Amino acid sequence: MRVTIRTITIPGSQGRAALHQAVVYATTEQEATPLMTSDWSQREPEVFMAAQTWARRNTYIVSNPRTGAYYGSPAAR
């Protein structure tokens, strides 16, 4: 099954950093319930990679994967 990872960002303010969360959804035309929701973090790449790793570990195909040094190495897939 194909899944899509969406990130949610709560903008920061003076004295508080932005918070990020990643959510894994089945890739469908219909409204879907989340398959996985990450913890909140101040680093968006970390939550995206946590969701991507979870999806791959559970044998889902990620529709919007990220690769490269910033998001992790392709060898880790």
C-alpha atoms as a PDB file:
ATOM      1  CA  MET A   1       0.000   0.000   0.000  1.00  0.00           C
ATOM      2  CA  ARG A   2       1.182   3.510  -0.776  1.00  0.00           C
ATOM      3  CA  VAL A   3       1.269   6.107   1.980  1.00  0.00           C
ATOM      4  CA  THR A   4       1.822   9.865   2.082  1.00  0.00           C
ATOM      5  CA  ILE A   5       3.623  11.694   4.873  1.00  0.00           C
ATOM      6  CA  ARG A   6       2.347  15.134   5.832  1.00  0.00           C
ATOM      7  CA  THR A   7       4.054  17.462   8.253  1.00  0.00           C
ATOM      8  CA  ILE A   8       2.239  19.840  10.576  1.00  0.00           C
ATOM      9  CA  THR A   9       4.026  22.953  11.833  1.00  0.00           C
ATOM     10  CA  ILE A  10       3.081  25.208  14.702  1.00  0.00           C
ATOM     11  CA  PRO A  11       4.953  28.457  14.053  1.00  0.00           C
ATOM     12  CA  GLY A  12       7.333  29.628  16.723  1.00  0.00           C
ATOM     13  CA  SER A  13       7.321  32.936  18.461  1.00  0.00           C
ATOM     14  CA  GLN A  14       9.822  35.025  20.301  1.00  0.00           C
ATOM     15  CA  GLY A  15      11.213  32.759  22.996  1.00  0.00           C
ATOM     16  CA  ARG A  16       9.678  29.574  21.555  1.00  0.00           C
ATOM     17  CA  ALA A  17      10.837  27.479  18.620  1.00  0.00           C
ATOM     18  CA  ALA A  18       8.446  26.115  15.995  1.00  0.00           C
ATOM     19  CA  LEU A  19       7.117  22.594  16.583  1.00  0.00           C
ATOM     20  CA  HIS A  20       6.717  19.926  13.893  1.00  0.00           C
ATOM     21  CA  GLN A  21       4.816  16.657  13.667  1.00  0.00           C
ATOM     22  CA  ALA A  22       4.586  14.101  10.846  1.00  0.00           C
ATOM     23  CA  VAL A  23       1.495  12.046  10.055  1.00  0.00           C
ATOM     24  CA  VAL A  24       1.337   8.995   7.766  1.00  0.00           C
ATOM     25  CA  TYR A  25      -1.851   8.563   5.700  1.00  0.00           C
ATOM     26  CA  ALA A  26      -2.877   5.944   3.166  1.00  0.00           C
ATOM     27  CA  THR A  27      -2.639   7.512  -0.302  1.00  0.00           C
ATOM     28  CA  THR A  28      -6.285   7.623  -1.371  1.00  0.00           C
ATOM     29  CA  GLU A  29      -8.784  10.052  -2.850  1.00  0.00           C
ATOM     30  CA  GLN A  30     -10.970   9.681   0.235  1.00  0.00           C
ATOM     31  CA  GLU A  31     -10.532  11.053   3.733  1.00  0.00           C
ATOM     32  CA  ALA A  32      -8.284   8.649   5.626  1.00  0.00           C
ATOM     33  CA  THR A  33      -7.464   8.192   9.281  1.00  0.00           C
ATOM     34  CA  PRO A  34      -3.769   8.477  10.184  1.00  0.00           C
ATOM     35  CA  LEU A  35      -1.809   5.235  10.252  1.00  0.00           C
ATOM     36  CA  MET A  36       0.941   6.817  12.390  1.00  0.00           C
ATOM     37  CA  THR A  37       1.521  10.154  14.113  1.00  0.00           C
ATOM     38  CA  SER A  38       4.987  11.183  15.287  1.00  0.00           C
ATOM     39  CA  ASP A  39       5.848  12.995  18.479  1.00  0.00           C
ATOM     40  CA  TRP A  40       6.251  16.773  18.315  1.00  0.00           C
ATOM     41  CA  SER A  41       9.805  18.008  17.734  1.00  0.00           C
ATOM     42  CA  GLN A  42      11.624  21.239  17.049  1.00  0.00           C
ATOM     43  CA  ARG A  43      13.304  19.638  13.998  1.00  0.00           C
ATOM     44  CA  GLU A  44      11.110  18.910  10.974  1.00  0.00           C
ATOM     45  CA  PRO A  45      13.598  16.507   9.323  1.00  0.00           C
ATOM     46  CA  GLU A  46      13.588  14.290  12.420  1.00  0.00           C
ATOM     47  CA  VAL A  47       9.809  13.842  12.476  1.00  0.00           C
ATOM     48  CA  PHE A  48       9.666  13.229   8.729  1.00  0.00           C
ATOM     49  CA  MET A  49      12.406  10.601   8.930  1.00  0.00           C
ATOM     50  CA  ALA A  50      10.681   8.927  11.907  1.00  0.00           C
ATOM     51  CA  ALA A  51       7.490   8.637   9.865  1.00  0.00           C
ATOM     52  CA  GLN A  52       9.358   7.458   6.760  1.00  0.00           C
ATOM     53  CA  THR A  53      11.263   4.843   8.759  1.00  0.00           C
ATOM     54  CA  TRP A  54       8.042   3.610  10.372  1.00  0.00           C
ATOM     55  CA  ALA A  55       6.347   3.284   6.975  1.00  0.00           C
ATOM     56  CA  ARG A  56       9.229   1.366   5.440  1.00  0.00           C
ATOM     57  CA  ARG A  57       9.541  -0.895   8.486  1.00  0.00           C
ATOM     58  CA  ASN A  58       5.855  -1.777   8.051  1.00  0.00           C
ATOM     59  CA  THR A  59       6.369  -2.466   4.307  1.00  0.00           C
ATOM     60  CA  TYR A  60       4.468   0.582   3.026  1.00  0.00           C
ATOM     61  CA  ILE A  61       5.637   2.430  -0.090  1.00  0.00           C
ATOM     62  CA  VAL A  62       6.135   6.129   0.657  1.00  0.00           C
ATOM     63  CA  SER A  63       4.672   8.360  -2.083  1.00  0.00           C
ATOM     64  CA  ASN A  64       6.742  11.405  -1.074  1.00  0.00           C
ATOM     65  CA  PRO A  65      10.090  10.068   0.235  1.00  0.00           C
ATOM     66  CA  ARG A  66      13.017  12.307   1.097  1.00  0.00           C
ATOM     67  CA  THR A  67      16.650  11.429   0.551  1.00  0.00           C
ATOM     68  CA  GLY A  68      19.980  13.197   0.780  1.00  0.00           C
ATOM     69  CA  ALA A  69      22.353  14.159   3.552  1.00  0.00           C
ATOM     70  CA  TYR A  70      19.841  16.496   5.212  1.00  0.00           C
ATOM     71  CA  TYR A  71      17.139  13.829   5.598  1.00  0.00           C
ATOM     72  CA  GLY A  72      19.280  10.706   5.834  1.00  0.00           C
ATOM     73  CA  SER A  73      21.299   8.632   3.437  1.00  0.00           C
ATOM     74  CA  PRO A  74      19.764   6.427   0.721  1.00  0.00           C
ATOM     75  CA  ALA A  75      21.835   3.542   2.128  1.00  0.00           C
ATOM     76  CA  ALA A  76      19.699   3.617   5.276  1.00  0.00           C
ATOM     77  CA  ARG A  77      16.621   2.596   3.280  1.00  0.00           C
END
